[in-house]
Amino acid sequence: MKLNLLKKIVLAFLMLVSTSSLFAHALWIETNATGTKGKVQEVSVYFGEFSDNDITKSDKWFSDLKDFTLILVSPSKKETKLTSKALENKYQAFFKPDEDGVYTIVMHHKVKDVYGTMVLDYNSSATVVVGNKTLGNYATANNNIIGVFSENADLAKKNVKINVFALYEGVSAKEQKVKVIAPNGWEKELWTNDKGEISFTPIWSGNYMIEFAYTEKASGEHNGKKYDEIWKMATYLIAVK
């Protein structure tokens, strides 16, 4: 009897450790913030721990994470599903812009397996400016339930303030915690204002990761397993010159 109880405790602990380690990881999109009409644009999707520069090889992605969807939203709101292929440490896709304006790339995946009693829901987006920003430069071009957006990611420069918006269910995510991770792994947690906005001034050049996570208290069944929480993560990468 005591042995069975011990086994249950150990199993619960291992599950907790496993789920916690997944929380430290994220899916994110990398692509150039600007593009050229008629020229092929590369899009990369990574999984790992950004702050530690720890990239998980594509054949080691857990559960069915590789089955993420990748949607391209054109400045005129046309949606196209992108096909990606696995490389050694990422998934790669391409598109060729044929309009001027801002293209939004949207990634989403709800993991098949329930971890502990939690569903994991990964989201990411990226924006690409082609020609000008007359069309498509708005946060809700990303229709994921959770998202992050910056109007001027293409102009990000060292020592110049950057404004970032967090959204949940299509509206501003007010008074929510958003994490900024610098290229050297330095992290800062900020709280959004009543407009769902944070701002920070980068002091180093390189890639900055913006992460917004929210845990929804909800119960039900997912692929035949019960859950009582849904953990949702959104990422958005900003390349600072």
C-alpha atoms as a PDB file:
ATOM      1  CA  MET A   1       0.000   0.000   0.000  1.00  0.00           C
ATOM      2  CA  LYS A   2       2.808   2.386   0.992  1.00  0.00           C
ATOM      3  CA  LEU A   3       4.770   1.349  -2.104  1.00  0.00           C
ATOM      4  CA  ASN A   4       1.833   2.231  -4.398  1.00  0.00           C
ATOM      5  CA  LEU A   5       1.494   5.607  -2.701  1.00  0.00           C
ATOM      6  CA  LEU A   6       5.215   6.258  -3.159  1.00  0.00           C
ATOM      7  CA  LYS A   7       4.976   5.367  -6.854  1.00  0.00           C
ATOM      8  CA  LYS A   8       2.097   7.814  -7.297  1.00  0.00           C
ATOM      9  CA  ILE A   9       4.038  10.591  -5.573  1.00  0.00           C
ATOM     10  CA  VAL A  10       7.118   9.959  -7.723  1.00  0.00           C
ATOM     11  CA  LEU A  11       5.017   9.867 -10.901  1.00  0.00           C
ATOM     12  CA  ALA A  12       3.289  13.134  -9.977  1.00  0.00           C
ATOM     13  CA  PHE A  13       6.662  14.754  -9.280  1.00  0.00           C
ATOM     14  CA  LEU A  14       8.126  13.612 -12.605  1.00  0.00           C
ATOM     15  CA  MET A  15       5.068  14.904 -14.433  1.00  0.00           C
ATOM     16  CA  LEU A  16       5.407  18.254 -12.679  1.00  0.00           C
ATOM     17  CA  VAL A  17       9.099  18.513 -13.581  1.00  0.00           C
ATOM     18  CA  SER A  18       8.356  17.528 -17.185  1.00  0.00           C
ATOM     19  CA  THR A  19       5.579  20.100 -17.553  1.00  0.00           C
ATOM     20  CA  SER A  20       7.671  22.822 -15.893  1.00  0.00           C
ATOM     21  CA  SER A  21      10.518  22.189 -18.330  1.00  0.00           C
ATOM     22  CA  LEU A  22       8.089  22.587 -21.228  1.00  0.00           C
ATOM     23  CA  PHE A  23       7.007  25.955 -19.821  1.00  0.00           C
ATOM     24  CA  ALA A  24      10.624  27.103 -20.135  1.00  0.00           C
ATOM     25  CA  HIS A  25      10.428  26.292 -23.848  1.00  0.00           C
ATOM     26  CA  ALA A  26       8.530  28.102 -26.558  1.00  0.00           C
ATOM     27  CA  LEU A  27       7.806  28.018 -30.269  1.00  0.00           C
ATOM     28  CA  TRP A  28       8.777  31.135 -32.174  1.00  0.00           C
ATOM     29  CA  ILE A  29       9.018  32.465 -35.719  1.00  0.00           C
ATOM     30  CA  GLU A  30      12.085  34.085 -37.217  1.00  0.00           C
ATOM     31  CA  THR A  31      12.035  35.976 -40.527  1.00  0.00           C
ATOM     32  CA  ASN A  32      13.350  39.265 -41.861  1.00  0.00           C
ATOM     33  CA  ALA A  33      11.196  42.198 -40.714  1.00  0.00           C
ATOM     34  CA  THR A  34      11.228  43.601 -44.252  1.00  0.00           C
ATOM     35  CA  GLY A  35      10.662  41.925 -47.595  1.00  0.00           C
ATOM     36  CA  THR A  36      10.580  42.712 -51.305  1.00  0.00           C
ATOM     37  CA  LYS A  37       7.667  42.201 -53.649  1.00  0.00           C
ATOM     38  CA  GLY A  38       8.392  39.305 -56.009  1.00  0.00           C
ATOM     39  CA  LYS A  39      11.315  38.018 -53.927  1.00  0.00           C
ATOM     40  CA  VAL A  40      11.089  34.793 -51.908  1.00  0.00           C
ATOM     41  CA  GLN A  41      10.977  35.307 -48.122  1.00  0.00           C
ATOM     42  CA  GLU A  42      12.206  32.612 -45.728  1.00  0.00           C
ATOM     43  CA  VAL A  43      10.291  31.786 -42.530  1.00  0.00           C
ATOM     44  CA  SER A  44      11.774  29.634 -39.754  1.00  0.00           C
ATOM     45  CA  VAL A  45      10.000  28.075 -36.756  1.00  0.00           C
ATOM     46  CA  TYR A  46      12.096  27.122 -33.732  1.00  0.00           C
ATOM     47  CA  PHE A  47      11.374  25.331 -30.460  1.00  0.00           C
ATOM     48  CA  GLY A  48      13.540  25.646 -27.399  1.00  0.00           C
ATOM     49  CA  GLU A  49      14.662  27.930 -24.587  1.00  0.00           C
ATOM     50  CA  PHE A  50      15.446  31.290 -26.178  1.00  0.00           C
ATOM     51  CA  SER A  51      17.168  32.819 -23.140  1.00  0.00           C
ATOM     52  CA  ASP A  52      19.679  29.954 -23.002  1.00  0.00           C
ATOM     53  CA  ASN A  53      20.144  29.781 -26.777  1.00  0.00           C
ATOM     54  CA  ASP A  54      18.980  26.186 -26.419  1.00  0.00           C
ATOM     55  CA  ILE A  55      17.397  25.063 -29.699  1.00  0.00           C
ATOM     56  CA  THR A  56      15.696  21.660 -29.745  1.00  0.00           C
ATOM     57  CA  LYS A  57      16.482  19.585 -32.818  1.00  0.00           C
ATOM     58  CA  SER A  58      13.401  19.138 -34.992  1.00  0.00           C
ATOM     59  CA  ASP A  59      13.323  15.350 -34.598  1.00  0.00           C
ATOM     60  CA  LYS A  60      13.207  15.773 -30.790  1.00  0.00           C
ATOM     61  CA  TRP A  61      10.103  17.982 -30.609  1.00  0.00           C
ATOM     62  CA  PHE A  62       7.705  16.433 -28.086  1.00  0.00           C
ATOM     63  CA  SER A  63       4.236  15.000 -28.716  1.00  0.00           C
ATOM     64  CA  ASP A  64       2.722  16.268 -32.009  1.00  0.00           C
ATOM     65  CA  LEU A  65       4.303  19.728 -31.842  1.00  0.00           C
ATOM     66  CA  LYS A  66       5.574  19.351 -35.414  1.00  0.00           C
ATOM     67  CA  ASP A  67       1.963  19.486 -36.649  1.00  0.00           C
ATOM     68  CA  PHE A  68       1.676  23.235 -36.043  1.00  0.00           C
ATOM     69  CA  THR A  69      -0.207  25.369 -38.563  1.00  0.00           C
ATOM     70  CA  LEU A  70       1.467  28.299 -40.289  1.00  0.00           C
ATOM     71  CA  ILE A  71      -0.797  30.858 -41.963  1.00  0.00           C
ATOM     72  CA  LEU A  72       0.265  33.858 -44.052  1.00  0.00           C
ATOM     73  CA  VAL A  73      -2.079  36.865 -43.924  1.00  0.00           C
ATOM     74  CA  SER A  74      -1.498  39.337 -46.745  1.00  0.00           C
ATOM     75  CA  PRO A  75      -2.002  43.127 -46.421  1.00  0.00           C
ATOM     76  CA  SER A  76      -5.366  42.680 -48.187  1.00  0.00           C
ATOM     77  CA  LYS A  77      -6.340  39.974 -45.617  1.00  0.00           C
ATOM     78  CA  LYS A  78      -5.894  36.995 -47.953  1.00  0.00           C
ATOM     79  CA  GLU A  79      -4.925  33.899 -45.961  1.00  0.00           C
ATOM     80  CA  THR A  80      -2.569  31.234 -47.292  1.00  0.00           C
ATOM     81  CA  LYS A  81      -1.453  28.093 -45.483  1.00  0.00           C
ATOM     82  CA  LEU A  82       2.317  27.697 -45.670  1.00  0.00           C
ATOM     83  CA  THR A  83       3.941  24.285 -45.955  1.00  0.00           C
ATOM     84  CA  SER A  84       7.025  23.783 -43.834  1.00  0.00           C
ATOM     85  CA  LYS A  85       9.742  21.141 -43.913  1.00  0.00           C
ATOM     86  CA  ALA A  86      11.976  19.886 -41.131  1.00  0.00           C
ATOM     87  CA  LEU A  87      15.644  20.825 -41.121  1.00  0.00           C
ATOM     88  CA  GLU A  88      18.103  19.844 -38.403  1.00  0.00           C
ATOM     89  CA  ASN A  89      17.075  22.402 -35.787  1.00  0.00           C
ATOM     90  CA  LYS A  90      13.996  24.128 -37.211  1.00  0.00           C
ATOM     91  CA  TYR A  91      11.092  24.007 -39.644  1.00  0.00           C
ATOM     92  CA  GLN A  92      11.401  26.119 -42.764  1.00  0.00           C
ATOM     93  CA  ALA A  93       8.809  27.662 -45.084  1.00  0.00           C
ATOM     94  CA  PHE A  94       8.805  30.250 -47.879  1.00  0.00           C
ATOM     95  CA  PHE A  95       6.455  32.756 -49.466  1.00  0.00           C
ATOM     96  CA  LYS A  96       6.707  35.349 -52.220  1.00  0.00           C
ATOM     97  CA  PRO A  97       5.062  38.739 -51.443  1.00  0.00           C
ATOM     98  CA  ASP A  98       2.963  40.158 -54.259  1.00  0.00           C
ATOM     99  CA  GLU A  99       1.483  43.191 -52.464  1.00  0.00           C
ATOM    100  CA  ASP A 100       2.776  46.277 -50.717  1.00  0.00           C
ATOM    101  CA  GLY A 101       1.975  46.475 -47.011  1.00  0.00           C
ATOM    102  CA  VAL A 102       2.451  44.385 -43.887  1.00  0.00           C
ATOM    103  CA  TYR A 103       2.264  40.580 -44.048  1.00  0.00           C
ATOM    104  CA  THR A 104       1.461  38.710 -40.827  1.00  0.00           C
ATOM    105  CA  ILE A 105       2.665  35.148 -40.281  1.00  0.00           C
ATOM    106  CA  VAL A 106       0.639  33.242 -37.690  1.00  0.00           C
ATOM    107  CA  MET A 107       1.622  29.963 -36.010  1.00  0.00           C
ATOM    108  CA  HIS A 108      -0.646  27.950 -33.723  1.00  0.00           C
ATOM    109  CA  HIS A 109      -0.662  24.527 -32.133  1.00  0.00           C
ATOM    110  CA  LYS A 110      -2.582  22.934 -29.283  1.00  0.00           C
ATOM    111  CA  VAL A 111      -0.563  19.939 -28.089  1.00  0.00           C
ATOM    112  CA  LYS A 112      -2.300  16.571 -28.430  1.00  0.00           C
ATOM    113  CA  ASP A 113      -1.188  15.214 -25.046  1.00  0.00           C
ATOM    114  CA  VAL A 114      -2.444  16.570 -21.739  1.00  0.00           C
ATOM    115  CA  TYR A 115       0.430  17.234 -19.332  1.00  0.00           C
ATOM    116  CA  GLY A 116      -0.632  16.588 -15.771  1.00  0.00           C
ATOM    117  CA  THR A 117      -4.043  18.246 -15.926  1.00  0.00           C
ATOM    118  CA  MET A 118      -3.009  20.986 -18.341  1.00  0.00           C
ATOM    119  CA  VAL A 119      -3.473  21.587 -22.075  1.00  0.00           C
ATOM    120  CA  LEU A 120      -0.539  23.376 -23.741  1.00  0.00           C
ATOM    121  CA  ASP A 121      -1.446  25.910 -26.442  1.00  0.00           C
ATOM    122  CA  TYR A 122       1.453  27.459 -28.396  1.00  0.00           C
ATOM    123  CA  ASN A 123       1.131  30.613 -30.496  1.00  0.00           C
ATOM    124  CA  SER A 124       3.550  32.828 -32.381  1.00  0.00           C
ATOM    125  CA  SER A 125       3.476  35.560 -34.999  1.00  0.00           C
ATOM    126  CA  ALA A 126       5.773  37.722 -37.098  1.00  0.00           C
ATOM    127  CA  THR A 127       5.278  40.745 -39.327  1.00  0.00           C
ATOM    128  CA  VAL A 128       7.017  41.587 -42.602  1.00  0.00           C
ATOM    129  CA  VAL A 129       6.883  45.055 -44.172  1.00  0.00           C
ATOM    130  CA  VAL A 130       6.896  45.096 -47.968  1.00  0.00           C
ATOM    131  CA  GLY A 131       7.170  48.534 -49.579  1.00  0.00           C
ATOM    132  CA  ASN A 132       5.192  50.480 -46.980  1.00  0.00           C
ATOM    133  CA  LYS A 133       2.813  50.084 -44.037  1.00  0.00           C
ATOM    134  CA  THR A 134      -0.337  51.488 -45.630  1.00  0.00           C
ATOM    135  CA  LEU A 135      -2.153  48.156 -45.382  1.00  0.00           C
ATOM    136  CA  GLY A 136      -2.068  45.320 -42.868  1.00  0.00           C
ATOM    137  CA  ASN A 137      -0.207  46.996 -40.005  1.00  0.00           C
ATOM    138  CA  TYR A 138      -2.575  46.052 -37.191  1.00  0.00           C
ATOM    139  CA  ALA A 139      -2.493  43.580 -34.308  1.00  0.00           C
ATOM    140  CA  THR A 140      -5.726  41.738 -35.130  1.00  0.00           C
ATOM    141  CA  ALA A 141      -4.352  40.475 -38.445  1.00  0.00           C
ATOM    142  CA  ASN A 142      -3.228  37.700 -36.101  1.00  0.00           C
ATOM    143  CA  ASN A 143      -6.480  35.960 -35.168  1.00  0.00           C
ATOM    144  CA  ASN A 144      -4.978  33.608 -32.569  1.00  0.00           C
ATOM    145  CA  ILE A 145      -6.662  33.807 -29.167  1.00  0.00           C
ATOM    146  CA  ILE A 146      -3.433  35.228 -27.688  1.00  0.00           C
ATOM    147  CA  GLY A 147      -0.864  37.392 -29.413  1.00  0.00           C
ATOM    148  CA  VAL A 148       1.852  40.034 -29.282  1.00  0.00           C
ATOM    149  CA  PHE A 149       2.424  42.844 -31.802  1.00  0.00           C
ATOM    150  CA  SER A 150       4.600  45.883 -32.491  1.00  0.00           C
ATOM    151  CA  GLU A 151       3.719  48.471 -35.125  1.00  0.00           C
ATOM    152  CA  ASN A 152       7.347  49.344 -35.856  1.00  0.00           C
ATOM    153  CA  ALA A 153       9.295  46.125 -35.384  1.00  0.00           C
ATOM    154  CA  ASP A 154      11.022  46.772 -38.706  1.00  0.00           C
ATOM    155  CA  LEU A 155      12.523  50.007 -37.324  1.00  0.00           C
ATOM    156  CA  ALA A 156      13.790  48.644 -34.000  1.00  0.00           C
ATOM    157  CA  LYS A 157      17.110  50.196 -33.023  1.00  0.00           C
ATOM    158  CA  LYS A 158      19.375  50.096 -30.012  1.00  0.00           C
ATOM    159  CA  ASN A 159      18.626  52.811 -27.431  1.00  0.00           C
ATOM    160  CA  VAL A 160      15.276  53.664 -29.031  1.00  0.00           C
ATOM    161  CA  LYS A 161      12.063  52.820 -27.147  1.00  0.00           C
ATOM    162  CA  ILE A 162       9.934  49.988 -28.549  1.00  0.00           C
ATOM    163  CA  ASN A 163       6.196  49.715 -27.906  1.00  0.00           C
ATOM    164  CA  VAL A 164       4.594  46.279 -27.800  1.00  0.00           C
ATOM    165  CA  PHE A 165       0.922  45.314 -27.484  1.00  0.00           C
ATOM    166  CA  ALA A 166      -0.472  42.139 -25.933  1.00  0.00           C
ATOM    167  CA  LEU A 167      -3.876  40.853 -27.000  1.00  0.00           C
ATOM    168  CA  TYR A 168      -6.225  38.194 -25.685  1.00  0.00           C
ATOM    169  CA  GLU A 169      -9.409  37.168 -27.488  1.00  0.00           C
ATOM    170  CA  GLY A 170      -8.952  40.047 -29.931  1.00  0.00           C
ATOM    171  CA  VAL A 171      -8.804  42.853 -27.363  1.00  0.00           C
ATOM    172  CA  SER A 172      -6.079  44.565 -25.337  1.00  0.00           C
ATOM    173  CA  ALA A 173      -4.693  42.391 -22.557  1.00  0.00           C
ATOM    174  CA  LYS A 174      -4.729  44.870 -19.672  1.00  0.00           C
ATOM    175  CA  GLU A 175      -2.611  44.460 -16.536  1.00  0.00           C
ATOM    176  CA  GLN A 176      -0.951  41.276 -17.758  1.00  0.00           C
ATOM    177  CA  LYS A 177       2.646  40.161 -17.330  1.00  0.00           C
ATOM    178  CA  VAL A 178       4.809  40.165 -20.461  1.00  0.00           C
ATOM    179  CA  LYS A 179       8.406  38.968 -20.553  1.00  0.00           C
ATOM    180  CA  VAL A 180      11.171  40.581 -22.626  1.00  0.00           C
ATOM    181  CA  ILE A 181      14.271  38.443 -23.268  1.00  0.00           C
ATOM    182  CA  ALA A 182      17.410  40.117 -24.606  1.00  0.00           C
ATOM    183  CA  PRO A 183      19.926  38.501 -27.006  1.00  0.00           C
ATOM    184  CA  ASN A 184      22.295  37.722 -24.120  1.00  0.00           C
ATOM    185  CA  GLY A 185      19.579  35.958 -22.087  1.00  0.00           C
ATOM    186  CA  TRP A 186      18.777  38.904 -19.798  1.00  0.00           C
ATOM    187  CA  GLU A 187      15.071  38.882 -18.890  1.00  0.00           C
ATOM    188  CA  LYS A 188      12.639  41.508 -17.660  1.00  0.00           C
ATOM    189  CA  GLU A 189       8.969  41.078 -16.709  1.00  0.00           C
ATOM    190  CA  LEU A 190       6.717  44.049 -17.411  1.00  0.00           C
ATOM    191  CA  TRP A 191       3.012  44.671 -16.786  1.00  0.00           C
ATOM    192  CA  THR A 192       0.776  45.985 -19.545  1.00  0.00           C
ATOM    193  CA  ASN A 193      -1.117  49.241 -19.034  1.00  0.00           C
ATOM    194  CA  ASP A 194      -4.824  49.851 -19.655  1.00  0.00           C
ATOM    195  CA  LYS A 195      -4.149  49.720 -23.409  1.00  0.00           C
ATOM    196  CA  GLY A 196      -2.444  46.336 -23.203  1.00  0.00           C
ATOM    197  CA  GLU A 197       0.893  47.998 -23.928  1.00  0.00           C
ATOM    198  CA  ILE A 198       4.420  47.696 -22.599  1.00  0.00           C
ATOM    199  CA  SER A 199       7.528  49.557 -23.698  1.00  0.00           C
ATOM    200  CA  PHE A 200      11.232  48.927 -23.305  1.00  0.00           C
ATOM    201  CA  THR A 201      14.466  50.435 -24.586  1.00  0.00           C
ATOM    202  CA  PRO A 202      16.945  47.852 -25.917  1.00  0.00           C
ATOM    203  CA  ILE A 203      20.547  48.529 -24.955  1.00  0.00           C
ATOM    204  CA  TRP A 204      22.005  45.740 -27.083  1.00  0.00           C
ATOM    205  CA  SER A 205      21.552  44.907 -30.747  1.00  0.00           C
ATOM    206  CA  GLY A 206      20.289  41.464 -31.755  1.00  0.00           C
ATOM    207  CA  ASN A 207      17.116  39.402 -31.419  1.00  0.00           C
ATOM    208  CA  TYR A 208      14.706  40.132 -28.557  1.00  0.00           C
ATOM    209  CA  MET A 209      11.943  37.692 -27.655  1.00  0.00           C
ATOM    210  CA  ILE A 210       8.606  38.920 -26.322  1.00  0.00           C
ATOM    211  CA  GLU A 211       6.575  36.287 -24.454  1.00  0.00           C
ATOM    212  CA  PHE A 212       3.023  36.590 -23.171  1.00  0.00           C
ATOM    213  CA  ALA A 213       1.576  33.599 -21.290  1.00  0.00           C
ATOM    214  CA  TYR A 214      -1.876  33.184 -19.783  1.00  0.00           C
ATOM    215  CA  THR A 215      -3.384  30.232 -17.919  1.00  0.00           C
ATOM    216  CA  GLU A 216      -7.124  29.766 -18.332  1.00  0.00           C
ATOM    217  CA  LYS A 217      -8.982  27.921 -15.601  1.00  0.00           C
ATOM    218  CA  ALA A 218     -11.185  25.611 -17.637  1.00  0.00           C
ATOM    219  CA  SER A 219     -12.092  21.950 -17.337  1.00  0.00           C
ATOM    220  CA  GLY A 220     -13.045  19.349 -19.886  1.00  0.00           C
ATOM    221  CA  GLU A 221     -11.582  16.562 -22.005  1.00  0.00           C
ATOM    222  CA  HIS A 222      -8.886  16.847 -24.653  1.00  0.00           C
ATOM    223  CA  ASN A 223      -8.288  13.758 -26.793  1.00  0.00           C
ATOM    224  CA  GLY A 224      -9.941  11.613 -24.142  1.00  0.00           C
ATOM    225  CA  LYS A 225      -7.994  13.013 -21.176  1.00  0.00           C
ATOM    226  CA  LYS A 226      -9.351  15.331 -18.518  1.00  0.00           C
ATOM    227  CA  TYR A 227      -7.830  18.761 -17.934  1.00  0.00           C
ATOM    228  CA  ASP A 228      -8.546  21.689 -15.643  1.00  0.00           C
ATOM    229  CA  GLU A 229      -6.262  24.362 -17.137  1.00  0.00           C
ATOM    230  CA  ILE A 230      -5.204  25.622 -20.550  1.00  0.00           C
ATOM    231  CA  TRP A 231      -1.759  27.242 -20.684  1.00  0.00           C
ATOM    232  CA  LYS A 232      -1.420  29.625 -23.633  1.00  0.00           C
ATOM    233  CA  MET A 233       1.835  31.142 -24.797  1.00  0.00           C
ATOM    234  CA  ALA A 234       2.395  33.805 -27.489  1.00  0.00           C
ATOM    235  CA  THR A 235       5.795  34.830 -28.832  1.00  0.00           C
ATOM    236  CA  TYR A 236       7.009  37.635 -31.088  1.00  0.00           C
ATOM    237  CA  LEU A 237      10.617  38.225 -32.090  1.00  0.00           C
ATOM    238  CA  ILE A 238      12.027  41.716 -32.684  1.00  0.00           C
ATOM    239  CA  ALA A 239      15.399  42.146 -34.391  1.00  0.00           C
ATOM    240  CA  VAL A 240      17.144  45.251 -33.034  1.00  0.00           C
ATOM    241  CA  LYS A 241      19.765  46.910 -35.213  1.00  0.00           C
END
